[in-house]
All heavy atoms as atom14 arrays in JSON, in Angstrom:
{
  "sequence": "AEGSAEQLASFARELRELAPPLSRIDHFSERELPLAHDPDF",
  "atom14_mask": [
    [1, 1, 1, 1, 1, 0, 0, 0, 0, 0, 0, 0, 0, 0],
    [1, 1, 1, 1, 1, 1, 1, 1, 1, 0, 0, 0, 0, 0],
    [1, 1, 1, 1, 0, 0, 0, 0, 0, 0, 0, 0, 0, 0],
    [1, 1, 1, 1, 1, 1, 0, 0, 0, 0, 0, 0, 0, 0],
    [1, 1, 1, 1, 1, 0, 0, 0, 0, 0, 0, 0, 0, 0],
    [1, 1, 1, 1, 1, 1, 1, 1, 1, 0, 0, 0, 0, 0],
    [1, 1, 1, 1, 1, 1, 1, 1, 1, 0, 0, 0, 0, 0],
    [1, 1, 1, 1, 1, 1, 1, 1, 0, 0, 0, 0, 0, 0],
    [1, 1, 1, 1, 1, 0, 0, 0, 0, 0, 0, 0, 0, 0],
    [1, 1, 1, 1, 1, 1, 0, 0, 0, 0, 0, 0, 0, 0],
    [1, 1, 1, 1, 1, 1, 1, 1, 1, 1, 1, 0, 0, 0],
    [1, 1, 1, 1, 1, 0, 0, 0, 0, 0, 0, 0, 0, 0],
    [1, 1, 1, 1, 1, 1, 1, 1, 1, 1, 1, 0, 0, 0],
    [1, 1, 1, 1, 1, 1, 1, 1, 1, 0, 0, 0, 0, 0],
    [1, 1, 1, 1, 1, 1, 1, 1, 0, 0, 0, 0, 0, 0],
    [1, 1, 1, 1, 1, 1, 1, 1, 1, 1, 1, 0, 0, 0],
    [1, 1, 1, 1, 1, 1, 1, 1, 1, 0, 0, 0, 0, 0],
    [1, 1, 1, 1, 1, 1, 1, 1, 0, 0, 0, 0, 0, 0],
    [1, 1, 1, 1, 1, 0, 0, 0, 0, 0, 0, 0, 0, 0],
    [1, 1, 1, 1, 1, 1, 1, 0, 0, 0, 0, 0, 0, 0],
    [1, 1, 1, 1, 1, 1, 1, 0, 0, 0, 0, 0, 0, 0],
    [1, 1, 1, 1, 1, 1, 1, 1, 0, 0, 0, 0, 0, 0],
    [1, 1, 1, 1, 1, 1, 0, 0, 0, 0, 0, 0, 0, 0],
    [1, 1, 1, 1, 1, 1, 1, 1, 1, 1, 1, 0, 0, 0],
    [1, 1, 1, 1, 1, 1, 1, 1, 0, 0, 0, 0, 0, 0],
    [1, 1, 1, 1, 1, 1, 1, 1, 0, 0, 0, 0, 0, 0],
    [1, 1, 1, 1, 1, 1, 1, 1, 1, 1, 0, 0, 0, 0],
    [1, 1, 1, 1, 1, 1, 1, 1, 1, 1, 1, 0, 0, 0],
    [1, 1, 1, 1, 1, 1, 0, 0, 0, 0, 0, 0, 0, 0],
    [1, 1, 1, 1, 1, 1, 1, 1, 1, 0, 0, 0, 0, 0],
    [1, 1, 1, 1, 1, 1, 1, 1, 1, 1, 1, 0, 0, 0],
    [1, 1, 1, 1, 1, 1, 1, 1, 1, 0, 0, 0, 0, 0],
    [1, 1, 1, 1, 1, 1, 1, 1, 0, 0, 0, 0, 0, 0],
    [1, 1, 1, 1, 1, 1, 1, 0, 0, 0, 0, 0, 0, 0],
    [1, 1, 1, 1, 1, 1, 1, 1, 0, 0, 0, 0, 0, 0],
    [1, 1, 1, 1, 1, 0, 0, 0, 0, 0, 0, 0, 0, 0],
    [1, 1, 1, 1, 1, 1, 1, 1, 1, 1, 0, 0, 0, 0],
    [1, 1, 1, 1, 1, 1, 1, 1, 0, 0, 0, 0, 0, 0],
    [1, 1, 1, 1, 1, 1, 1, 0, 0, 0, 0, 0, 0, 0],
    [1, 1, 1, 1, 1, 1, 1, 1, 0, 0, 0, 0, 0, 0],
    [1, 1, 1, 1, 1, 1, 1, 1, 1, 1, 1, 0, 0, 0]
  ],
  "atom14_positions": [
    [[-7.63, -28.83, 18.37], [-7.14, -27.47, 18.52], [-5.63, -27.43, 18.37], [-4.93, -28.35, 18.81], [-7.54, -26.9, 19.88], [0.0, 0.0, 0.0], [0.0, 0.0, 0.0], [0.0, 0.0, 0.0], [0.0, 0.0, 0.0], [0.0, 0.0, 0.0], [0.0, 0.0, 0.0], [0.0, 0.0, 0.0], [0.0, 0.0, 0.0], [0.0, 0.0, 0.0]],
    [[-5.13, -26.36, 17.75], [-3.7, -26.18, 17.53], [-3.29, -24.79, 17.96], [-3.92, -23.8, 17.6], [-3.36, -26.4, 16.06], [-1.88, -26.29, 15.74], [-1.57, -26.68, 14.31], [-2.2, -27.65, 13.8], [-0.7, -26.03, 13.7], [0.0, 0.0, 0.0], [0.0, 0.0, 0.0], [0.0, 0.0, 0.0], [0.0, 0.0, 0.0], [0.0, 0.0, 0.0]],
    [[-2.21, -24.7, 18.74], [-1.71, -23.43, 19.22], [-0.54, -23.65, 20.14], [0.03, -24.76, 20.19], [0.0, 0.0, 0.0], [0.0, 0.0, 0.0], [0.0, 0.0, 0.0], [0.0, 0.0, 0.0], [0.0, 0.0, 0.0], [0.0, 0.0, 0.0], [0.0, 0.0, 0.0], [0.0, 0.0, 0.0], [0.0, 0.0, 0.0], [0.0, 0.0, 0.0]],
    [[-0.18, -22.66, 20.9], [0.93, -22.81, 21.84], [0.46, -23.58, 23.07], [-0.74, -23.73, 23.32], [1.45, -21.43, 22.25], [0.49, -20.79, 23.1], [0.0, 0.0, 0.0], [0.0, 0.0, 0.0], [0.0, 0.0, 0.0], [0.0, 0.0, 0.0], [0.0, 0.0, 0.0], [0.0, 0.0, 0.0], [0.0, 0.0, 0.0], [0.0, 0.0, 0.0]],
    [[1.43, -24.04, 23.84], [1.1, -24.76, 25.07], [0.29, -23.89, 26.01], [-0.67, -24.35, 26.65], [2.39, -25.24, 25.76], [0.0, 0.0, 0.0], [0.0, 0.0, 0.0], [0.0, 0.0, 0.0], [0.0, 0.0, 0.0], [0.0, 0.0, 0.0], [0.0, 0.0, 0.0], [0.0, 0.0, 0.0], [0.0, 0.0, 0.0], [0.0, 0.0, 0.0]],
    [[0.64, -22.61, 26.09], [-0.07, -21.69, 26.97], [-1.51, -21.46, 26.49], [-2.47, -21.45, 27.28], [0.67, -20.35, 27.06], [2.03, -20.41, 27.74], [3.12, -21.0, 26.85], [2.88, -21.17, 25.63], [4.2, -21.3, 27.38], [0.0, 0.0, 0.0], [0.0, 0.0, 0.0], [0.0, 0.0, 0.0], [0.0, 0.0, 0.0], [0.0, 0.0, 0.0]],
    [[-1.67, -21.28, 25.19], [-3.02, -21.08, 24.64], [-3.89, -22.3, 24.89], [-5.05, -22.18, 25.29], [-2.93, -20.81, 23.13], [-2.38, -19.45, 22.76], [-2.08, -19.36, 21.27], [-1.56, -20.29, 20.66], [-2.43, -18.22, 20.69], [0.0, 0.0, 0.0], [0.0, 0.0, 0.0], [0.0, 0.0, 0.0], [0.0, 0.0, 0.0], [0.0, 0.0, 0.0]],
    [[-3.35, -23.48, 24.65], [-4.13, -24.71, 24.81], [-4.48, -24.95, 26.28], [-5.58, -25.42, 26.59], [-3.35, -25.89, 24.25], [-3.24, -25.92, 22.72], [-2.21, -26.96, 22.28], [-4.59, -26.2, 22.08], [0.0, 0.0, 0.0], [0.0, 0.0, 0.0], [0.0, 0.0, 0.0], [0.0, 0.0, 0.0], [0.0, 0.0, 0.0], [0.0, 0.0, 0.0]],
    [[-3.56, -24.63, 27.17], [-3.84, -24.81, 28.6], [-4.96, -23.88, 29.06], [-5.87, -24.3, 29.79], [-2.57, -24.55, 29.41], [0.0, 0.0, 0.0], [0.0, 0.0, 0.0], [0.0, 0.0, 0.0], [0.0, 0.0, 0.0], [0.0, 0.0, 0.0], [0.0, 0.0, 0.0], [0.0, 0.0, 0.0], [0.0, 0.0, 0.0], [0.0, 0.0, 0.0]],
    [[-4.93, -22.63, 28.63], [-5.99, -21.68, 28.99], [-7.31, -22.1, 28.38], [-8.36, -22.02, 29.03], [-5.61, -20.28, 28.52], [-4.45, -19.81, 29.17], [0.0, 0.0, 0.0], [0.0, 0.0, 0.0], [0.0, 0.0, 0.0], [0.0, 0.0, 0.0], [0.0, 0.0, 0.0], [0.0, 0.0, 0.0], [0.0, 0.0, 0.0], [0.0, 0.0, 0.0]],
    [[-7.26, -22.55, 27.13], [-8.46, -23.02, 26.44], [-9.09, -24.19, 27.18], [-10.31, -24.2, 27.44], [-8.08, -23.41, 25.02], [-9.19, -24.0, 24.19], [-10.22, -23.21, 23.72], [-9.18, -25.36, 23.88], [-11.24, -23.75, 22.94], [-10.2, -25.91, 23.11], [-11.23, -25.11, 22.63], [0.0, 0.0, 0.0], [0.0, 0.0, 0.0], [0.0, 0.0, 0.0]],
    [[-8.28, -25.17, 27.57], [-8.8, -26.35, 28.28], [-9.42, -25.96, 29.61], [-10.48, -26.48, 30.0], [-7.67, -27.36, 28.49], [0.0, 0.0, 0.0], [0.0, 0.0, 0.0], [0.0, 0.0, 0.0], [0.0, 0.0, 0.0], [0.0, 0.0, 0.0], [0.0, 0.0, 0.0], [0.0, 0.0, 0.0], [0.0, 0.0, 0.0], [0.0, 0.0, 0.0]],
    [[-8.77, -25.06, 30.34], [-9.31, -24.63, 31.62], [-10.66, -23.93, 31.46], [-11.61, -24.22, 32.19], [-8.31, -23.69, 32.31], [-8.76, -23.27, 33.71], [-7.8, -22.29, 34.36], [-7.8, -20.98, 33.67], [-6.83, -20.55, 32.88], [-5.76, -21.3, 32.65], [-6.91, -19.36, 32.3], [0.0, 0.0, 0.0], [0.0, 0.0, 0.0], [0.0, 0.0, 0.0]],
    [[-10.77, -23.04, 30.49], [-12.02, -22.28, 30.32], [-13.13, -23.12, 29.71], [-14.31, -22.8, 29.9], [-11.74, -21.04, 29.47], [-10.86, -20.04, 30.21], [-10.59, -18.77, 29.42], [-11.25, -18.56, 28.37], [-9.73, -17.98, 29.84], [0.0, 0.0, 0.0], [0.0, 0.0, 0.0], [0.0, 0.0, 0.0], [0.0, 0.0, 0.0], [0.0, 0.0, 0.0]],
    [[-12.78, -24.19, 28.99], [-13.81, -25.11, 28.52], [-14.63, -25.62, 29.7], [-15.86, -25.76, 29.61], [-13.18, -26.29, 27.79], [-12.81, -26.13, 26.32], [-12.09, -27.37, 25.81], [-14.03, -25.85, 25.46], [0.0, 0.0, 0.0], [0.0, 0.0, 0.0], [0.0, 0.0, 0.0], [0.0, 0.0, 0.0], [0.0, 0.0, 0.0], [0.0, 0.0, 0.0]],
    [[-13.96, -25.91, 30.8], [-14.65, -26.46, 31.97], [-15.24, -25.38, 32.87], [-16.33, -25.54, 33.4], [-13.68, -27.34, 32.76], [-13.39, -28.67, 32.09], [-12.24, -29.42, 32.73], [-10.96, -28.81, 32.42], [-9.78, -29.42, 32.59], [-9.75, -30.63, 33.08], [-8.66, -28.81, 32.29], [0.0, 0.0, 0.0], [0.0, 0.0, 0.0], [0.0, 0.0, 0.0]],
    [[-14.52, -24.28, 32.99], [-14.96, -23.24, 33.93], [-16.07, -22.35, 33.38], [-16.88, -21.84, 34.15], [-13.76, -22.37, 34.32], [-12.7, -23.11, 35.14], [-11.52, -22.23, 35.46], [-11.47, -21.08, 34.96], [-10.64, -22.68, 36.23], [0.0, 0.0, 0.0], [0.0, 0.0, 0.0], [0.0, 0.0, 0.0], [0.0, 0.0, 0.0], [0.0, 0.0, 0.0]],
    [[-16.12, -22.16, 32.07], [-17.06, -21.21, 31.47], [-18.12, -21.88, 30.61], [-18.78, -21.21, 29.81], [-16.28, -20.18, 30.63], [-15.15, -19.42, 31.33], [-14.46, -18.49, 30.36], [-15.69, -18.65, 32.53], [0.0, 0.0, 0.0], [0.0, 0.0, 0.0], [0.0, 0.0, 0.0], [0.0, 0.0, 0.0], [0.0, 0.0, 0.0], [0.0, 0.0, 0.0]],
    [[-18.28, -23.17, 30.75], [-19.24, -23.9, 29.9], [-20.64, -23.29, 29.98], [-21.02, -22.72, 31.01], [-19.28, -25.37, 30.32], [0.0, 0.0, 0.0], [0.0, 0.0, 0.0], [0.0, 0.0, 0.0], [0.0, 0.0, 0.0], [0.0, 0.0, 0.0], [0.0, 0.0, 0.0], [0.0, 0.0, 0.0], [0.0, 0.0, 0.0], [0.0, 0.0, 0.0]],
    [[-21.44, -23.38, 28.91], [-22.79, -22.8, 28.91], [-23.63, -23.29, 30.09], [-23.49, -24.44, 30.53], [-23.38, -23.3, 27.57], [-22.19, -23.53, 26.71], [-21.11, -24.02, 27.63], [0.0, 0.0, 0.0], [0.0, 0.0, 0.0], [0.0, 0.0, 0.0], [0.0, 0.0, 0.0], [0.0, 0.0, 0.0], [0.0, 0.0, 0.0], [0.0, 0.0, 0.0]],
    [[-24.49, -22.44, 30.62], [-25.24, -22.79, 31.84], [-26.15, -24.0, 31.71], [-26.42, -24.67, 32.71], [-26.05, -21.51, 32.14], [-26.06, -20.74, 30.86], [-24.79, -21.07, 30.16], [0.0, 0.0, 0.0], [0.0, 0.0, 0.0], [0.0, 0.0, 0.0], [0.0, 0.0, 0.0], [0.0, 0.0, 0.0], [0.0, 0.0, 0.0], [0.0, 0.0, 0.0]],
    [[-26.62, -24.31, 30.5], [-27.5, -25.45, 30.33], [-26.74, -26.74, 30.08], [-27.35, -27.8, 29.98], [-28.48, -25.2, 29.16], [-29.43, -24.01, 29.3], [-30.35, -23.92, 28.1], [-30.24, -24.11, 30.59], [0.0, 0.0, 0.0], [0.0, 0.0, 0.0], [0.0, 0.0, 0.0], [0.0, 0.0, 0.0], [0.0, 0.0, 0.0], [0.0, 0.0, 0.0]],
    [[-25.41, -26.66, 29.97], [-24.62, -27.85, 29.71], [-24.26, -28.56, 31.02], [-24.39, -28.0, 32.1], [-23.34, -27.48, 28.95], [-22.48, -26.7, 29.76], [0.0, 0.0, 0.0], [0.0, 0.0, 0.0], [0.0, 0.0, 0.0], [0.0, 0.0, 0.0], [0.0, 0.0, 0.0], [0.0, 0.0, 0.0], [0.0, 0.0, 0.0], [0.0, 0.0, 0.0]],
    [[-23.79, -29.8, 30.86], [-23.27, -30.55, 32.0], [-22.14, -31.44, 31.51], [-22.36, -32.29, 30.63], [-24.36, -31.43, 32.62], [-23.95, -32.08, 33.95], [-24.95, -33.12, 34.4], [-24.87, -34.34, 33.6], [-25.92, -35.09, 33.27], [-27.13, -34.73, 33.63], [-25.76, -36.19, 32.55], [0.0, 0.0, 0.0], [0.0, 0.0, 0.0], [0.0, 0.0, 0.0]],
    [[-20.94, -31.22, 32.02], [-19.78, -32.01, 31.61], [-19.64, -33.2, 32.55], [-19.4, -33.04, 33.75], [-18.5, -31.15, 31.62], [-18.62, -30.03, 30.58], [-17.27, -32.01, 31.34], [-17.43, -29.08, 30.57], [0.0, 0.0, 0.0], [0.0, 0.0, 0.0], [0.0, 0.0, 0.0], [0.0, 0.0, 0.0], [0.0, 0.0, 0.0], [0.0, 0.0, 0.0]],
    [[-19.79, -34.4, 32.01], [-19.65, -35.62, 32.8], [-18.24, -36.2, 32.7], [-17.74, -36.81, 33.64], [-20.66, -36.68, 32.34], [-22.09, -36.26, 32.64], [-22.29, -35.43, 33.55], [-23.01, -36.75, 31.96], [0.0, 0.0, 0.0], [0.0, 0.0, 0.0], [0.0, 0.0, 0.0], [0.0, 0.0, 0.0], [0.0, 0.0, 0.0], [0.0, 0.0, 0.0]],
    [[-17.62, -36.04, 31.54], [-16.27, -36.58, 31.35], [-15.52, -35.68, 30.39], [-16.04, -35.29, 29.35], [-16.33, -38.01, 30.81], [-14.99, -38.66, 30.67], [-14.37, -38.81, 29.45], [-14.15, -39.16, 31.6], [-13.19, -39.39, 29.64], [-13.03, -39.62, 30.92], [0.0, 0.0, 0.0], [0.0, 0.0, 0.0], [0.0, 0.0, 0.0], [0.0, 0.0, 0.0]],
    [[-14.28, -35.37, 30.74], [-13.44, -34.47, 29.93], [-12.1, -35.16, 29.73], [-11.43, -35.56, 30.7], [-13.25, -33.15, 30.68], [-12.47, -32.1, 29.92], [-13.12, -31.07, 29.26], [-11.08, -32.14, 29.88], [-12.41, -30.1, 28.57], [-10.35, -31.18, 29.2], [-11.02, -30.16, 28.54], [0.0, 0.0, 0.0], [0.0, 0.0, 0.0], [0.0, 0.0, 0.0]],
    [[-11.7, -35.34, 28.48], [-10.41, -35.98, 28.2], [-9.68, -35.2, 27.12], [-10.3, -34.5, 26.3], [-10.6, -37.43, 27.77], [-11.3, -37.49, 26.54], [0.0, 0.0, 0.0], [0.0, 0.0, 0.0], [0.0, 0.0, 0.0], [0.0, 0.0, 0.0], [0.0, 0.0, 0.0], [0.0, 0.0, 0.0], [0.0, 0.0, 0.0], [0.0, 0.0, 0.0]],
    [[-8.36, -35.31, 27.12], [-7.56, -34.68, 26.08], [-6.36, -35.55, 25.77], [-5.89, -36.31, 26.62], [-7.13, -33.28, 26.47], [-6.27, -33.19, 27.72], [-5.9, -31.75, 28.04], [-5.03, -31.19, 27.33], [-6.48, -31.19, 28.99], [0.0, 0.0, 0.0], [0.0, 0.0, 0.0], [0.0, 0.0, 0.0], [0.0, 0.0, 0.0], [0.0, 0.0, 0.0]],
    [[-5.87, -35.43, 24.53], [-4.69, -36.19, 24.13], [-3.92, -35.4, 23.09], [-4.49, -34.57, 22.37], [-5.08, -37.57, 23.57], [-5.87, -37.53, 22.27], [-6.33, -38.94, 21.87], [-7.08, -38.92, 20.61], [-6.56, -39.22, 19.42], [-5.27, -39.55, 19.32], [-7.31, -39.19, 18.33], [0.0, 0.0, 0.0], [0.0, 0.0, 0.0], [0.0, 0.0, 0.0]],
    [[-2.62, -35.66, 23.01], [-1.77, -35.0, 22.03], [-2.03, -35.59, 20.64], [-2.28, -36.79, 20.49], [-0.29, -35.18, 22.38], [0.11, -34.54, 23.7], [0.12, -33.02, 23.62], [0.23, -32.47, 22.5], [-0.02, -32.38, 24.69], [0.0, 0.0, 0.0], [0.0, 0.0, 0.0], [0.0, 0.0, 0.0], [0.0, 0.0, 0.0], [0.0, 0.0, 0.0]],
    [[-1.96, -34.73, 19.61], [-2.06, -35.16, 18.22], [-0.74, -34.83, 17.52], [-0.1, -33.82, 17.84], [-3.2, -34.45, 17.51], [-4.63, -34.75, 17.97], [-5.62, -33.89, 17.19], [-4.96, -36.23, 17.79], [0.0, 0.0, 0.0], [0.0, 0.0, 0.0], [0.0, 0.0, 0.0], [0.0, 0.0, 0.0], [0.0, 0.0, 0.0], [0.0, 0.0, 0.0]],
    [[-0.34, -35.64, 16.55], [0.9, -35.34, 15.83], [0.72, -34.12, 14.94], [-0.39, -33.81, 14.48], [1.15, -36.61, 15.01], [-0.22, -37.21, 14.84], [-0.96, -36.91, 16.1], [0.0, 0.0, 0.0], [0.0, 0.0, 0.0], [0.0, 0.0, 0.0], [0.0, 0.0, 0.0], [0.0, 0.0, 0.0], [0.0, 0.0, 0.0], [0.0, 0.0, 0.0]],
    [[1.81, -33.43, 14.66], [1.78, -32.26, 13.78], [1.94, -32.64, 12.32], [2.15, -31.78, 11.47], [2.88, -31.28, 14.19], [2.58, -30.44, 15.43], [3.83, -29.66, 15.84], [1.43, -29.48, 15.18], [0.0, 0.0, 0.0], [0.0, 0.0, 0.0], [0.0, 0.0, 0.0], [0.0, 0.0, 0.0], [0.0, 0.0, 0.0], [0.0, 0.0, 0.0]],
    [[1.82, -33.92, 12.01], [1.93, -34.37, 10.62], [0.76, -33.84, 9.8], [-0.2, -33.27, 10.32], [1.95, -35.9, 10.59], [0.0, 0.0, 0.0], [0.0, 0.0, 0.0], [0.0, 0.0, 0.0], [0.0, 0.0, 0.0], [0.0, 0.0, 0.0], [0.0, 0.0, 0.0], [0.0, 0.0, 0.0], [0.0, 0.0, 0.0], [0.0, 0.0, 0.0]],
    [[0.84, -34.04, 8.48], [-0.22, -33.57, 7.58], [-1.58, -34.07, 8.05], [-1.77, -35.26, 8.32], [0.05, -34.05, 6.16], [-1.1, -33.79, 5.22], [-1.42, -32.53, 4.78], [-2.03, -34.63, 4.7], [-2.48, -32.6, 3.99], [-2.87, -33.86, 3.92], [0.0, 0.0, 0.0], [0.0, 0.0, 0.0], [0.0, 0.0, 0.0], [0.0, 0.0, 0.0]],
    [[-2.51, -33.17, 8.16], [-3.88, -33.51, 8.59], [-4.82, -32.51, 7.94], [-4.72, -31.31, 8.18], [-3.98, -33.43, 10.12], [-5.33, -33.91, 10.65], [-6.32, -33.83, 9.9], [-5.38, -34.36, 11.81], [0.0, 0.0, 0.0], [0.0, 0.0, 0.0], [0.0, 0.0, 0.0], [0.0, 0.0, 0.0], [0.0, 0.0, 0.0], [0.0, 0.0, 0.0]],
    [[-5.75, -32.96, 7.1], [-6.65, -32.03, 6.4], [-7.52, -31.2, 7.34], [-8.02, -30.15, 6.95], [-7.5, -32.96, 5.52], [-7.39, -34.31, 6.14], [-6.01, -34.36, 6.73], [0.0, 0.0, 0.0], [0.0, 0.0, 0.0], [0.0, 0.0, 0.0], [0.0, 0.0, 0.0], [0.0, 0.0, 0.0], [0.0, 0.0, 0.0], [0.0, 0.0, 0.0]],
    [[-7.68, -31.65, 8.56], [-8.47, -30.86, 9.51], [-7.71, -29.63, 10.01], [-8.3, -28.71, 10.57], [-8.87, -31.71, 10.72], [-10.03, -32.64, 10.41], [-10.86, -32.26, 9.56], [-10.08, -33.73, 10.99], [0.0, 0.0, 0.0], [0.0, 0.0, 0.0], [0.0, 0.0, 0.0], [0.0, 0.0, 0.0], [0.0, 0.0, 0.0], [0.0, 0.0, 0.0]],
    [[-6.39, -29.62, 9.84], [-5.58, -28.51, 10.33], [-4.8, -27.81, 9.22], [-4.65, -26.6, 9.22], [-4.59, -29.0, 11.39], [-5.22, -29.45, 12.66], [-5.58, -30.77, 12.86], [-5.49, -28.54, 13.67], [-6.17, -31.19, 14.04], [-6.09, -28.94, 14.86], [-6.42, -30.26, 15.04], [0.0, 0.0, 0.0], [0.0, 0.0, 0.0], [0.0, 0.0, 0.0]]
  ]
}
């Protein structure tokens, strides 16, 4: 995901708080990615 720090923080929080009812999150991790050329972005 790419966006502002505020957008990413809200996104990360809601990933855990609003997850689908049939899901179960056992482990959640995040890391910074460089802004260099990347075909995915």
